Amino acid sequence: MSRRPRPKIVTLTDAAAARVKEIMASSAKPYLRVGVENGGCAGMEYKLEYADAPEQFDELVEDHDVQILVKADAVMFLLGSAIDYETTRLASKFIFRNPNQTDACGCGESVTIEPAKLES
């Protein structure tokens, strides 16, 4: 019996991949790590940080010739997400389009996320 293909944890849009390449070109650290943490009025916040090396159990995601790390404790919250990069008149920021997100605060800085439900 063959295994079904493993779903990608996150994907990057062209704009997000271009921005990650741009910021990593000037970074002293070789990796960008994506995660979630408790905080904000809706309960959780997305977190991006530079990293020297993968931590134990980090997942390495490759998309659009970009490598990013996903923190192990964030995988079930980010599964199926697309990361985009948006520039408006007032801000430039990464946007998470997350199918597991059930709510967000008014300012858009924190979210409510349910762990992904895997099909059996």
PDB file of N, CA and C in Angstrom:
ATOM      1  N   MET A   1       0.844  -1.175   0.000  1.00  0.00           N
ATOM      2  CA  MET A   1       0.000   0.000   0.000  1.00  0.00           C
ATOM      3  C   MET A   1       0.892   1.242   0.000  1.00  0.00           C
ATOM      4  N   SER A   2       0.627   2.164  -0.894  1.00  0.00           N
ATOM      5  CA  SER A   2       1.443   3.373  -0.961  1.00  0.00           C
ATOM      6  C   SER A   2       0.844   4.465  -0.079  1.00  0.00           C
ATOM      7  N   ARG A   3       1.696   5.304   0.414  1.00  0.00           N
ATOM      8  CA  ARG A   3       1.263   6.408   1.261  1.00  0.00           C
ATOM      9  C   ARG A   3       0.727   7.542   0.402  1.00  0.00           C
ATOM     10  N   ARG A   4      -0.256   8.237   0.917  1.00  0.00           N
ATOM     11  CA  ARG A   4      -0.745   9.404   0.191  1.00  0.00           C
ATOM     12  C   ARG A   4       0.291  10.518   0.319  1.00  0.00           C
ATOM     13  N   PRO A   5       0.335  11.434  -0.638  1.00  0.00           N
ATOM     14  CA  PRO A   5       1.323  12.511  -0.563  1.00  0.00           C
ATOM     15  C   PRO A   5       1.099  13.370   0.680  1.00  0.00           C
ATOM     16  N   ARG A   6       2.194  13.788   1.251  1.00  0.00           N
ATOM     17  CA  ARG A   6       2.139  14.634   2.437  1.00  0.00           C
ATOM     18  C   ARG A   6       1.749  16.052   2.025  1.00  0.00           C
ATOM     19  N   PRO A   7       0.730  16.638   2.661  1.00  0.00           N
ATOM     20  CA  PRO A   7       0.330  18.001   2.274  1.00  0.00           C
ATOM     21  C   PRO A   7       1.402  19.018   2.655  1.00  0.00           C
ATOM     22  N   LYS A   8       1.501  20.089   1.863  1.00  0.00           N
ATOM     23  CA  LYS A   8       2.420  21.176   2.212  1.00  0.00           C
ATOM     24  C   LYS A   8       1.865  21.913   3.410  1.00  0.00           C
ATOM     25  N   ILE A   9       2.726  22.256   4.325  1.00  0.00           N
ATOM     26  CA  ILE A   9       2.284  22.987   5.510  1.00  0.00           C
ATOM     27  C   ILE A   9       1.860  24.388   5.103  1.00  0.00           C
ATOM     28  N   VAL A  10       2.731  25.082   4.394  1.00  0.00           N
ATOM     29  CA  VAL A  10       2.416  26.418   3.898  1.00  0.00           C
ATOM     30  C   VAL A  10       2.944  26.555   2.476  1.00  0.00           C
ATOM     31  N   THR A  11       2.333  27.475   1.742  1.00  0.00           N
ATOM     32  CA  THR A  11       2.837  27.838   0.428  1.00  0.00           C
ATOM     33  C   THR A  11       3.062  29.340   0.424  1.00  0.00           C
ATOM     34  N   LEU A  12       3.859  29.801  -0.514  1.00  0.00           N
ATOM     35  CA  LEU A  12       4.153  31.224  -0.659  1.00  0.00           C
ATOM     36  C   LEU A  12       3.622  31.714  -1.997  1.00  0.00           C
ATOM     37  N   THR A  13       3.063  32.914  -2.000  1.00  0.00           N
ATOM     38  CA  THR A  13       2.706  33.533  -3.271  1.00  0.00           C
ATOM     39  C   THR A  13       3.990  34.058  -3.902  1.00  0.00           C
ATOM     40  N   ASP A  14       3.911  34.455  -5.163  1.00  0.00           N
ATOM     41  CA  ASP A  14       5.074  35.049  -5.828  1.00  0.00           C
ATOM     42  C   ASP A  14       5.576  36.264  -5.055  1.00  0.00           C
ATOM     43  N   ALA A  15       4.645  37.108  -4.595  1.00  0.00           N
ATOM     44  CA  ALA A  15       5.025  38.331  -3.871  1.00  0.00           C
ATOM     45  C   ALA A  15       5.720  38.003  -2.552  1.00  0.00           C
ATOM     46  N   ALA A  16       5.207  37.017  -1.824  1.00  0.00           N
ATOM     47  CA  ALA A  16       5.828  36.637  -0.551  1.00  0.00           C
ATOM     48  C   ALA A  16       7.206  36.030  -0.780  1.00  0.00           C
ATOM     49  N   ALA A  17       7.329  35.176  -1.793  1.00  0.00           N
ATOM     50  CA  ALA A  17       8.628  34.569  -2.083  1.00  0.00           C
ATOM     51  C   ALA A  17       9.655  35.634  -2.455  1.00  0.00           C
ATOM     52  N   ALA A  18       9.261  36.594  -3.266  1.00  0.00           N
ATOM     53  CA  ALA A  18      10.181  37.672  -3.660  1.00  0.00           C
ATOM     54  C   ALA A  18      10.624  38.472  -2.443  1.00  0.00           C
ATOM     55  N   ARG A  19       9.689  38.773  -1.531  1.00  0.00           N
ATOM     56  CA  ARG A  19      10.034  39.553  -0.339  1.00  0.00           C
ATOM     57  C   ARG A  19      10.928  38.756   0.605  1.00  0.00           C
ATOM     58  N   VAL A  20      10.667  37.468   0.773  1.00  0.00           N
ATOM     59  CA  VAL A  20      11.527  36.642   1.624  1.00  0.00           C
ATOM     60  C   VAL A  20      12.938  36.604   1.045  1.00  0.00           C
ATOM     61  N   LYS A  21      13.061  36.415  -0.265  1.00  0.00           N
ATOM     62  CA  LYS A  21      14.392  36.419  -0.897  1.00  0.00           C
ATOM     63  C   LYS A  21      15.102  37.744  -0.648  1.00  0.00           C
ATOM     64  N   GLU A  22      14.364  38.832  -0.773  1.00  0.00           N
ATOM     65  CA  GLU A  22      14.939  40.164  -0.581  1.00  0.00           C
ATOM     66  C   GLU A  22      15.433  40.377   0.848  1.00  0.00           C
ATOM     67  N   ILE A  23      14.622  40.039   1.839  1.00  0.00           N
ATOM     68  CA  ILE A  23      15.046  40.277   3.221  1.00  0.00           C
ATOM     69  C   ILE A  23      16.132  39.300   3.663  1.00  0.00           C
ATOM     70  N   MET A  24      16.102  38.084   3.136  1.00  0.00           N
ATOM     71  CA  MET A  24      17.118  37.117   3.522  1.00  0.00           C
ATOM     72  C   MET A  24      18.470  37.434   2.888  1.00  0.00           C
ATOM     73  N   ALA A  25      18.476  38.136   1.770  1.00  0.00           N
ATOM     74  CA  ALA A  25      19.731  38.523   1.123  1.00  0.00           C
ATOM     75  C   ALA A  25      20.537  39.470   2.000  1.00  0.00           C
ATOM     76  N   SER A  26      19.862  40.233   2.870  1.00  0.00           N
ATOM     77  CA  SER A  26      20.569  41.179   3.737  1.00  0.00           C
ATOM     78  C   SER A  26      20.619  40.712   5.188  1.00  0.00           C
ATOM     79  N   SER A  27      20.202  39.482   5.455  1.00  0.00           N
ATOM     80  CA  SER A  27      20.196  38.956   6.815  1.00  0.00           C
ATOM     81  C   SER A  27      21.502  38.238   7.118  1.00  0.00           C
ATOM     82  N   ALA A  28      21.939  38.352   8.351  1.00  0.00           N
ATOM     83  CA  ALA A  28      23.131  37.626   8.793  1.00  0.00           C
ATOM     84  C   ALA A  28      22.797  36.168   9.116  1.00  0.00           C
ATOM     85  N   LYS A  29      21.507  35.857   9.232  1.00  0.00           N
ATOM     86  CA  LYS A  29      21.080  34.497   9.544  1.00  0.00           C
ATOM     87  C   LYS A  29      20.489  33.862   8.285  1.00  0.00           C
ATOM     88  N   PRO A  30      20.728  32.574   8.081  1.00  0.00           N
ATOM     89  CA  PRO A  30      20.339  31.944   6.813  1.00  0.00           C
ATOM     90  C   PRO A  30      18.884  31.515   6.689  1.00  0.00           C
ATOM     91  N   TYR A  31      18.111  31.519   7.781  1.00  0.00           N
ATOM     92  CA  TYR A  31      16.743  31.005   7.723  1.00  0.00           C
ATOM     93  C   TYR A  31      15.723  32.018   8.234  1.00  0.00           C
ATOM     94  N   LEU A  32      14.507  31.876   7.734  1.00  0.00           N
ATOM     95  CA  LEU A  32      13.352  32.578   8.268  1.00  0.00           C
ATOM     96  C   LEU A  32      12.445  31.502   8.860  1.00  0.00           C
ATOM     97  N   ARG A  33      12.068  31.677  10.130  1.00  0.00           N
ATOM     98  CA  ARG A  33      11.216  30.705  10.816  1.00  0.00           C
ATOM     99  C   ARG A  33       9.830  31.314  11.000  1.00  0.00           C
ATOM    100  N   VAL A  34       8.799  30.517  10.707  1.00  0.00           N
ATOM    101  CA  VAL A  34       7.404  30.923  10.845  1.00  0.00           C
ATOM    102  C   VAL A  34       6.798  30.130  11.991  1.00  0.00           C
ATOM    103  N   GLY A  35       6.000  30.810  12.809  1.00  0.00           N
ATOM    104  CA  GLY A  35       5.324  30.116  13.896  1.00  0.00           C
ATOM    105  C   GLY A  35       4.103  30.881  14.350  1.00  0.00           C
ATOM    106  N   VAL A  36       3.502  30.408  15.406  1.00  0.00           N
ATOM    107  CA  VAL A  36       2.393  31.101  16.057  1.00  0.00           C
ATOM    108  C   VAL A  36       2.696  31.119  17.545  1.00  0.00           C
ATOM    109  N   GLU A  37       2.163  32.118  18.232  1.00  0.00           N
ATOM    110  CA  GLU A  37       2.339  32.184  19.677  1.00  0.00           C
ATOM    111  C   GLU A  37       1.071  32.753  20.293  1.00  0.00           C
ATOM    112  N   ASN A  38       0.875  32.455  21.564  1.00  0.00           N
ATOM    113  CA  ASN A  38      -0.263  33.004  22.281  1.00  0.00           C
ATOM    114  C   ASN A  38      -0.065  34.497  22.460  1.00  0.00           C
ATOM    115  N   GLY A  39      -1.134  35.261  22.224  1.00  0.00           N
ATOM    116  CA  GLY A  39      -1.045  36.704  22.418  1.00  0.00           C
ATOM    117  C   GLY A  39      -2.138  37.426  21.669  1.00  0.00           C
ATOM    118  N   GLY A  40      -2.248  38.702  21.945  1.00  0.00           N
ATOM    119  CA  GLY A  40      -3.241  39.525  21.277  1.00  0.00           C
ATOM    120  C   GLY A  40      -4.636  39.270  21.801  1.00  0.00           C
ATOM    121  N   CYS A  41      -5.555  40.108  21.392  1.00  0.00           N
ATOM    122  CA  CYS A  41      -6.918  40.009  21.918  1.00  0.00           C
ATOM    123  C   CYS A  41      -7.699  38.844  21.336  1.00  0.00           C
ATOM    124  N   ALA A  42      -7.286  38.271  20.203  1.00  0.00           N
ATOM    125  CA  ALA A  42      -7.993  37.128  19.626  1.00  0.00           C
ATOM    126  C   ALA A  42      -7.367  35.794  20.036  1.00  0.00           C
ATOM    127  N   GLY A  43      -6.229  35.821  20.726  1.00  0.00           N
ATOM    128  CA  GLY A  43      -5.663  34.589  21.268  1.00  0.00           C
ATOM    129  C   GLY A  43      -4.326  34.140  20.721  1.00  0.00           C
ATOM    130  N   MET A  44      -4.056  34.386  19.424  1.00  0.00           N
ATOM    131  CA  MET A  44      -2.793  33.939  18.848  1.00  0.00           C
ATOM    132  C   MET A  44      -2.277  34.981  17.858  1.00  0.00           C
ATOM    133  N   GLU A  45      -0.971  34.942  17.640  1.00  0.00           N
ATOM    134  CA  GLU A  45      -0.336  35.836  16.675  1.00  0.00           C
ATOM    135  C   GLU A  45       0.623  35.033  15.812  1.00  0.00           C
ATOM    136  N   TYR A  46       0.715  35.417  14.548  1.00  0.00           N
ATOM    137  CA  TYR A  46       1.717  34.823  13.668  1.00  0.00           C
ATOM    138  C   TYR A  46       3.058  35.438  14.010  1.00  0.00           C
ATOM    139  N   LYS A  47       4.107  34.643  13.907  1.00  0.00           N
ATOM    140  CA  LYS A  47       5.440  35.129  14.263  1.00  0.00           C
ATOM    141  C   LYS A  47       6.427  34.756  13.164  1.00  0.00           C
ATOM    142  N   LEU A  48       7.231  35.728  12.744  1.00  0.00           N
ATOM    143  CA  LEU A  48       8.326  35.515  11.802  1.00  0.00           C
ATOM    144  C   LEU A  48       9.605  35.930  12.508  1.00  0.00           C
ATOM    145  N   GLU A  49      10.637  35.101  12.408  1.00  0.00           N
ATOM    146  CA  GLU A  49      11.908  35.432  13.045  1.00  0.00           C
ATOM    147  C   GLU A  49      13.059  34.851  12.237  1.00  0.00           C
ATOM    148  N   TYR A  50      14.201  35.482  12.337  1.00  0.00           N
ATOM    149  CA  TYR A  50      15.404  34.955  11.700  1.00  0.00           C
ATOM    150  C   TYR A  50      15.938  33.805  12.543  1.00  0.00           C
ATOM    151  N   ALA A  51      16.577  32.834  11.895  1.00  0.00           N
ATOM    152  CA  ALA A  51      17.118  31.677  12.609  1.00  0.00           C
ATOM    153  C   ALA A  51      18.479  31.302  12.043  1.00  0.00           C
ATOM    154  N   ASP A  52      19.359  30.864  12.940  1.00  0.00           N
ATOM    155  CA  ASP A  52      20.692  30.405  12.535  1.00  0.00           C
ATOM    156  C   ASP A  52      20.647  29.000  11.947  1.00  0.00           C
ATOM    157  N   ALA A  53      19.765  28.164  12.504  1.00  0.00           N
ATOM    158  CA  ALA A  53      19.690  26.761  12.082  1.00  0.00           C
ATOM    159  C   ALA A  53      18.317  26.211  12.453  1.00  0.00           C
ATOM    160  N   PRO A  54      17.916  25.135  11.814  1.00  0.00           N
ATOM    161  CA  PRO A  54      16.652  24.508  12.213  1.00  0.00           C
ATOM    162  C   PRO A  54      16.734  24.018  13.651  1.00  0.00           C
ATOM    163  N   GLU A  55      15.625  24.177  14.376  1.00  0.00           N
ATOM    164  CA  GLU A  55      15.524  23.589  15.708  1.00  0.00           C
ATOM    165  C   GLU A  55      15.023  22.162  15.546  1.00  0.00           C
ATOM    166  N   GLN A  56      15.190  21.377  16.602  1.00  0.00           N
ATOM    167  CA  GLN A  56      14.716  20.002  16.545  1.00  0.00           C
ATOM    168  C   GLN A  56      13.224  20.000  16.205  1.00  0.00           C
ATOM    169  N   PHE A  57      12.832  19.215  15.251  1.00  0.00           N
ATOM    170  CA  PHE A  57      11.459  19.025  14.790  1.00  0.00           C
ATOM    171  C   PHE A  57      10.904  20.160  13.927  1.00  0.00           C
ATOM    172  N   ASP A  58      11.691  21.208  13.630  1.00  0.00           N
ATOM    173  CA  ASP A  58      11.236  22.206  12.659  1.00  0.00           C
ATOM    174  C   ASP A  58      10.991  21.507  11.330  1.00  0.00           C
ATOM    175  N   GLU A  59      10.028  21.995  10.579  1.00  0.00           N
ATOM    176  CA  GLU A  59       9.762  21.492   9.234  1.00  0.00           C
ATOM    177  C   GLU A  59      10.364  22.467   8.229  1.00  0.00           C
ATOM    178  N   LEU A  60      11.088  21.963   7.269  1.00  0.00           N
ATOM    179  CA  LEU A  60      11.647  22.790   6.210  1.00  0.00           C
ATOM    180  C   LEU A  60      10.678  22.779   5.040  1.00  0.00           C
ATOM    181  N   VAL A  61      10.228  23.962   4.636  1.00  0.00           N
ATOM    182  CA  VAL A  61       9.293  24.098   3.522  1.00  0.00           C
ATOM    183  C   VAL A  61      10.020  24.794   2.388  1.00  0.00           C
ATOM    184  N   GLU A  62       9.924  24.219   1.188  1.00  0.00           N
ATOM    185  CA  GLU A  62      10.517  24.818   0.000  1.00  0.00           C
ATOM    186  C   GLU A  62       9.400  25.148  -0.984  1.00  0.00           C
ATOM    187  N   ASP A  63       9.339  26.410  -1.403  1.00  0.00           N
ATOM    188  CA  ASP A  63       8.331  26.847  -2.360  1.00  0.00           C
ATOM    189  C   ASP A  63       8.877  28.062  -3.100  1.00  0.00           C
ATOM    190  N   HIS A  64       8.710  28.114  -4.394  1.00  0.00           N
ATOM    191  CA  HIS A  64       9.199  29.234  -5.223  1.00  0.00           C
ATOM    192  C   HIS A  64      10.695  29.485  -5.011  1.00  0.00           C
ATOM    193  N   ASP A  65      11.478  28.419  -4.887  1.00  0.00           N
ATOM    194  CA  ASP A  65      12.927  28.525  -4.664  1.00  0.00           C
ATOM    195  C   ASP A  65      13.276  29.248  -3.364  1.00  0.00           C
ATOM    196  N   VAL A  66      12.389  29.165  -2.385  1.00  0.00           N
ATOM    197  CA  VAL A  66      12.608  29.767  -1.063  1.00  0.00           C
ATOM    198  C   VAL A  66      12.482  28.664  -0.032  1.00  0.00           C
ATOM    199  N   GLN A  67      13.363  28.690   0.963  1.00  0.00           N
ATOM    200  CA  GLN A  67      13.284  27.752   2.075  1.00  0.00           C
ATOM    201  C   GLN A  67      12.923  28.523   3.336  1.00  0.00           C
ATOM    202  N   ILE A  68      11.875  28.062   4.029  1.00  0.00           N
ATOM    203  CA  ILE A  68      11.530  28.634   5.329  1.00  0.00           C
ATOM    204  C   ILE A  68      11.345  27.491   6.311  1.00  0.00           C
ATOM    205  N   LEU A  69      11.509  27.796   7.578  1.00  0.00           N
ATOM    206  CA  LEU A  69      11.301  26.821   8.633  1.00  0.00           C
ATOM    207  C   LEU A  69       9.943  27.072   9.271  1.00  0.00           C
ATOM    208  N   VAL A  70       9.254  25.996   9.613  1.00  0.00           N
ATOM    209  CA  VAL A  70       7.993  26.107  10.347  1.00  0.00           C
ATOM    210  C   VAL A  70       8.222  25.446  11.698  1.00  0.00           C
ATOM    211  N   LYS A  71       7.961  26.207  12.761  1.00  0.00           N
ATOM    212  CA  LYS A  71       8.132  25.670  14.108  1.00  0.00           C
ATOM    213  C   LYS A  71       7.229  24.461  14.294  1.00  0.00           C
ATOM    214  N   ALA A  72       7.752  23.456  14.957  1.00  0.00           N
ATOM    215  CA  ALA A  72       7.029  22.198  15.138  1.00  0.00           C
ATOM    216  C   ALA A  72       5.674  22.409  15.810  1.00  0.00           C
ATOM    217  N   ASP A  73       5.608  23.284  16.805  1.00  0.00           N
ATOM    218  CA  ASP A  73       4.340  23.479  17.514  1.00  0.00           C
ATOM    219  C   ASP A  73       3.333  24.314  16.734  1.00  0.00           C
ATOM    220  N   ALA A  74       3.715  24.804  15.553  1.00  0.00           N
ATOM    221  CA  ALA A  74       2.809  25.599  14.731  1.00  0.00           C
ATOM    222  C   ALA A  74       2.244  24.824  13.546  1.00  0.00           C
ATOM    223  N   VAL A  75       2.776  23.654  13.270  1.00  0.00           N
ATOM    224  CA  VAL A  75       2.401  22.914  12.065  1.00  0.00           C
ATOM    225  C   VAL A  75       0.894  22.706  11.974  1.00  0.00           C
ATOM    226  N   MET A  76       0.265  22.210  13.015  1.00  0.00           N
ATOM    227  CA  MET A  76      -1.174  21.921  12.956  1.00  0.00           C
ATOM    228  C   MET A  76      -2.025  23.190  12.845  1.00  0.00           C
ATOM    229  N   PHE A  77      -1.473  24.328  13.252  1.00  0.00           N
ATOM    230  CA  PHE A  77      -2.206  25.588  13.136  1.00  0.00           C
ATOM    231  C   PHE A  77      -2.030  26.228  11.756  1.00  0.00           C
ATOM    232  N   LEU A  78      -0.924  25.921  11.079  1.00  0.00           N
ATOM    233  CA  LEU A  78      -0.621  26.551   9.794  1.00  0.00           C
ATOM    234  C   LEU A  78      -0.899  25.656   8.589  1.00  0.00           C
ATOM    235  N   LEU A  79      -1.209  24.401   8.807  1.00  0.00           N
ATOM    236  CA  LEU A  79      -1.401  23.447   7.722  1.00  0.00           C
ATOM    237  C   LEU A  79      -2.400  23.968   6.691  1.00  0.00           C
ATOM    238  N   GLY A  80      -1.944  24.063   5.442  1.00  0.00           N
ATOM    239  CA  GLY A  80      -2.798  24.536   4.352  1.00  0.00           C
ATOM    240  C   GLY A  80      -2.786  26.035   4.135  1.00  0.00           C
ATOM    241  N   SER A  81      -1.985  26.764   4.885  1.00  0.00           N
ATOM    242  CA  SER A  81      -1.949  28.222   4.772  1.00  0.00           C
ATOM    243  C   SER A  81      -1.142  28.684   3.563  1.00  0.00           C
ATOM    244  N   ALA A  82      -1.534  29.830   3.044  1.00  0.00           N
ATOM    245  CA  ALA A  82      -0.763  30.513   1.996  1.00  0.00           C
ATOM    246  C   ALA A  82      -0.273  31.821   2.596  1.00  0.00           C
ATOM    247  N   ILE A  83       1.009  32.093   2.420  1.00  0.00           N
ATOM    248  CA  ILE A  83       1.583  33.351   2.904  1.00  0.00           C
ATOM    249  C   ILE A  83       1.732  34.278   1.714  1.00  0.00           C
ATOM    250  N   ASP A  84       1.194  35.474   1.858  1.00  0.00           N
ATOM    251  CA  ASP A  84       1.244  36.486   0.806  1.00  0.00           C
ATOM    252  C   ASP A  84       1.980  37.698   1.357  1.00  0.00           C
ATOM    253  N   TYR A  85       2.354  38.609   0.492  1.00  0.00           N
ATOM    254  CA  TYR A  85       2.977  39.869   0.906  1.00  0.00           C
ATOM    255  C   TYR A  85       2.222  40.985   0.214  1.00  0.00           C
ATOM    256  N   GLU A  86       1.823  41.968   0.996  1.00  0.00           N
ATOM    257  CA  GLU A  86       0.980  43.032   0.488  1.00  0.00           C
ATOM    258  C   GLU A  86       1.562  44.398   0.844  1.00  0.00           C
ATOM    259  N   THR A  87       1.517  45.312  -0.112  1.00  0.00           N
ATOM    260  CA  THR A  87       1.938  46.690   0.117  1.00  0.00           C
ATOM    261  C   THR A  87       0.760  47.603  -0.179  1.00  0.00           C
ATOM    262  N   THR A  88       0.404  48.424   0.799  1.00  0.00           N
ATOM    263  CA  THR A  88      -0.659  49.410   0.625  1.00  0.00           C
ATOM    264  C   THR A  88      -0.060  50.789   0.869  1.00  0.00           C
ATOM    265  N   ARG A  89      -0.875  51.803   0.830  1.00  0.00           N
ATOM    266  CA  ARG A  89      -0.376  53.164   1.082  1.00  0.00           C
ATOM    267  C   ARG A  89       0.176  53.324   2.492  1.00  0.00           C
ATOM    268  N   LEU A  90      -0.348  52.546   3.441  1.00  0.00           N
ATOM    269  CA  LEU A  90       0.028  52.722   4.841  1.00  0.00           C
ATOM    270  C   LEU A  90       0.935  51.641   5.411  1.00  0.00           C
ATOM    271  N   ALA A  91       1.033  50.505   4.753  1.00  0.00           N
ATOM    272  CA  ALA A  91       1.810  49.415   5.343  1.00  0.00           C
ATOM    273  C   ALA A  91       2.267  48.408   4.294  1.00  0.00           C
ATOM    274  N   SER A  92       3.318  47.692   4.649  1.00  0.00           N
ATOM    275  CA  SER A  92       3.778  46.535   3.887  1.00  0.00           C
ATOM    276  C   SER A  92       3.881  45.403   4.883  1.00  0.00           C
ATOM    277  N   LYS A  93       3.245  44.261   4.566  1.00  0.00           N
ATOM    278  CA  LYS A  93       3.248  43.174   5.545  1.00  0.00           C
ATOM    279  C   LYS A  93       2.943  41.835   4.892  1.00  0.00           C
ATOM    280  N   PHE A  94       3.350  40.787   5.614  1.00  0.00           N
ATOM    281  CA  PHE A  94       2.994  39.441   5.222  1.00  0.00           C
ATOM    282  C   PHE A  94       1.560  39.183   5.683  1.00  0.00           C
ATOM    283  N   ILE A  95       0.798  38.505   4.843  1.00  0.00           N
ATOM    284  CA  ILE A  95      -0.592  38.161   5.136  1.00  0.00           C
ATOM    285  C   ILE A  95      -0.699  36.640   5.127  1.00  0.00           C
ATOM    286  N   PHE A  96      -1.318  36.086   6.146  1.00  0.00           N
ATOM    287  CA  PHE A  96      -1.536  34.648   6.223  1.00  0.00           C
ATOM    288  C   PHE A  96      -2.979  34.357   5.824  1.00  0.00           C
ATOM    289  N   ARG A  97      -3.156  33.562   4.790  1.00  0.00           N
ATOM    290  CA  ARG A  97      -4.485  33.096   4.392  1.00  0.00           C
ATOM    291  C   ARG A  97      -4.584  31.661   4.907  1.00  0.00           C
ATOM    292  N   ASN A  98      -5.188  31.549   6.074  1.00  0.00           N
ATOM    293  CA  ASN A  98      -5.140  30.309   6.841  1.00  0.00           C
ATOM    294  C   ASN A  98      -6.538  29.695   6.946  1.00  0.00           C
ATOM    295  N   PRO A  99      -6.738  28.491   6.384  1.00  0.00           N
ATOM    296  CA  PRO A  99      -8.055  27.865   6.475  1.00  0.00           C
ATOM    297  C   PRO A  99      -8.438  27.453   7.892  1.00  0.00           C
ATOM    298  N   ASN A 100      -7.486  27.443   8.804  1.00  0.00           N
ATOM    299  CA  ASN A 100      -7.737  27.062  10.191  1.00  0.00           C
ATOM    300  C   ASN A 100      -8.072  28.267  11.071  1.00  0.00           C
ATOM    301  N   GLN A 101      -7.979  29.467  10.512  1.00  0.00           N
ATOM    302  CA  GLN A 101      -8.268  30.687  11.260  1.00  0.00           C
ATOM    303  C   GLN A 101      -9.783  30.869  11.326  1.00  0.00           C
ATOM    304  N   THR A 102     -10.301  31.030  12.532  1.00  0.00           N
ATOM    305  CA  THR A 102     -11.744  31.157  12.709  1.00  0.00           C
ATOM    306  C   THR A 102     -12.187  32.575  13.051  1.00  0.00           C
ATOM    307  N   ASP A 103     -11.245  33.444  13.450  1.00  0.00           N
ATOM    308  CA  ASP A 103     -11.602  34.808  13.840  1.00  0.00           C
ATOM    309  C   ASP A 103     -10.335  35.649  13.858  1.00  0.00           C
ATOM    310  N   ALA A 104     -10.515  36.965  13.861  1.00  0.00           N
ATOM    311  CA  ALA A 104      -9.388  37.899  13.968  1.00  0.00           C
ATOM    312  C   ALA A 104      -9.856  39.124  14.730  1.00  0.00           C
ATOM    313  N   CYS A 105      -8.926  39.794  15.369  1.00  0.00           N
ATOM    314  CA  CYS A 105      -9.285  41.019  16.075  1.00  0.00           C
ATOM    315  C   CYS A 105      -9.490  42.145  15.056  1.00  0.00           C
ATOM    316  N   GLY A 106     -10.016  43.248  15.508  1.00  0.00           N
ATOM    317  CA  GLY A 106     -10.306  44.377  14.624  1.00  0.00           C
ATOM    318  C   GLY A 106      -9.088  44.962  13.948  1.00  0.00           C
ATOM    319  N   CYS A 107      -7.955  44.972  14.626  1.00  0.00           N
ATOM    320  CA  CYS A 107      -6.747  45.560  14.032  1.00  0.00           C
ATOM    321  C   CYS A 107      -6.035  44.575  13.113  1.00  0.00           C
ATOM    322  N   GLY A 108      -6.403  43.299  13.178  1.00  0.00           N
ATOM    323  CA  GLY A 108      -5.809  42.297  12.301  1.00  0.00           C
ATOM    324  C   GLY A 108      -4.465  41.769  12.769  1.00  0.00           C
ATOM    325  N   GLU A 109      -4.063  42.112  13.980  1.00  0.00           N
ATOM    326  CA  GLU A 109      -2.763  41.663  14.481  1.00  0.00           C
ATOM    327  C   GLU A 109      -2.816  40.329  15.209  1.00  0.00           C
ATOM    328  N   SER A 110      -3.999  39.924  15.675  1.00  0.00           N
ATOM    329  CA  SER A 110      -4.098  38.622  16.333  1.00  0.00           C
ATOM    330  C   SER A 110      -5.294  37.870  15.774  1.00  0.00           C
ATOM    331  N   VAL A 111      -5.247  36.540  15.919  1.00  0.00           N
ATOM    332  CA  VAL A 111      -6.231  35.669  15.289  1.00  0.00           C
ATOM    333  C   VAL A 111      -6.620  34.543  16.237  1.00  0.00           C
ATOM    334  N   THR A 112      -7.720  33.908  15.929  1.00  0.00           N
ATOM    335  CA  THR A 112      -8.105  32.673  16.589  1.00  0.00           C
ATOM    336  C   THR A 112      -7.899  31.565  15.562  1.00  0.00           C
ATOM    337  N   ILE A 113      -7.141  30.539  15.943  1.00  0.00           N
ATOM    338  CA  ILE A 113      -6.819  29.445  15.029  1.00  0.00           C
ATOM    339  C   ILE A 113      -7.148  28.125  15.713  1.00  0.00           C
ATOM    340  N   GLU A 114      -7.820  27.257  14.991  1.00  0.00           N
ATOM    341  CA  GLU A 114      -8.085  25.900  15.457  1.00  0.00           C
ATOM    342  C   GLU A 114      -7.070  24.979  14.791  1.00  0.00           C
ATOM    343  N   PRO A 115      -6.588  23.948  15.484  1.00  0.00           N
ATOM    344  CA  PRO A 115      -5.686  23.004  14.823  1.00  0.00           C
ATOM    345  C   PRO A 115      -6.372  22.358  13.629  1.00  0.00           C
ATOM    346  N   ALA A 116      -5.613  22.063  12.596  1.00  0.00           N
ATOM    347  CA  ALA A 116      -6.149  21.422  11.397  1.00  0.00           C
ATOM    348  C   ALA A 116      -6.727  20.065  11.747  1.00  0.00           C
ATOM    349  N   LYS A 117      -7.822  19.727  11.109  1.00  0.00           N
ATOM    350  CA  LYS A 117      -8.422  18.408  11.286  1.00  0.00           C
ATOM    351  C   LYS A 117      -7.997  17.557  10.092  1.00  0.00           C
ATOM    352  N   LEU A 118      -7.245  16.531  10.368  1.00  0.00           N
ATOM    353  CA  LEU A 118      -6.736  15.677   9.305  1.00  0.00           C
ATOM    354  C   LEU A 118      -7.767  14.639   8.920  1.00  0.00           C
ATOM    355  N   GLU A 119      -7.877  14.408   7.630  1.00  0.00           N
ATOM    356  CA  GLU A 119      -8.786  13.372   7.136  1.00  0.00           C
ATOM    357  C   GLU A 119      -8.215  12.012   7.451  1.00  0.00           C
ATOM    358  N   SER A 120      -9.079  11.079   7.767  1.00  0.00           N
ATOM    359  CA  SER A 120      -8.569   9.734   8.067  1.00  0.00           C
ATOM    360  C   SER A 120      -8.523   8.872   6.841  1.00  0.00           C
TER     361      SER A 120
END
